[in-house]
Amino acid sequence: MGNLYFGGARQKIPVLFDTGSPMVYVLNQKCDSMLCPQAAKYDTLASSTYKENADGDSEPLAHCYGQGCVSGAVSRDRVCFSDDPKQSCLLGATFLSVNEATDIDKDKFSGIIGLGPKSDVGRMPSFVEQVAALGGVGGEDEIKPMFSLFLTNTPERKGKLTIGGYDVGKYAKPGLSEKDVFWANMAHKKTFFWTLNMGNI
């Protein structure tokens, strides 16, 4: 779990990064506190750059994952990786602004950032697709369309998600370099999930 910052006022929203989903959603202030008891919600009224029904379709979009279901408007706004104005942002990110939900009252987060490679919903691209298309504050070359995970096996050291690249010097074993990075092709060219041929590994 981590934080993203929504809108021009950079509202801090705790989100869950999910490698098994392409869905991007955030709870908004309209979601009833009984259905969405999470304290941090995205206030659409506080953002001058927020655009509802950004895909031109006013029909609500619903999505279920695991046990919970969410519904809302396909929306667009600035989404930043930090509250620092010098850090990178997606200037017109598309996401589901959720005003109705079921069975998410125990969630500790207020949104999900799906890191799947491709969206299975035509109205809304995946986060990874958006990073590739929108880039950041310095243009589309500012953020590379990739992410990396550092997984730790000790509670003293925190894991790390890096959007836009990876840091071999910081997270690889001492002595390893860029030439030691192993790249594997996906098992299928068109897929909504990260799939690898385990035999090749």
Foldseek 3Di string as FASTA:
>chain_A
DAWKFWAPQGQTFFEAEAQFAQAWEFEAPLADCVAAVAPGGHHQVVHPFKAWQVLVDPDWDKDDDDHKIFIATFIWAKMFPDSDPVGWIQGTATHGHTNYMHDCHPPNGGIYQHLFPFHPDPSHTGPLVSLCVRPTPVGSLNAASDKDKQDDDDPVDDIDIGGRDDDCCPRPDPPDDPVPDDDFDAPDPDDRHGHGDPVVD
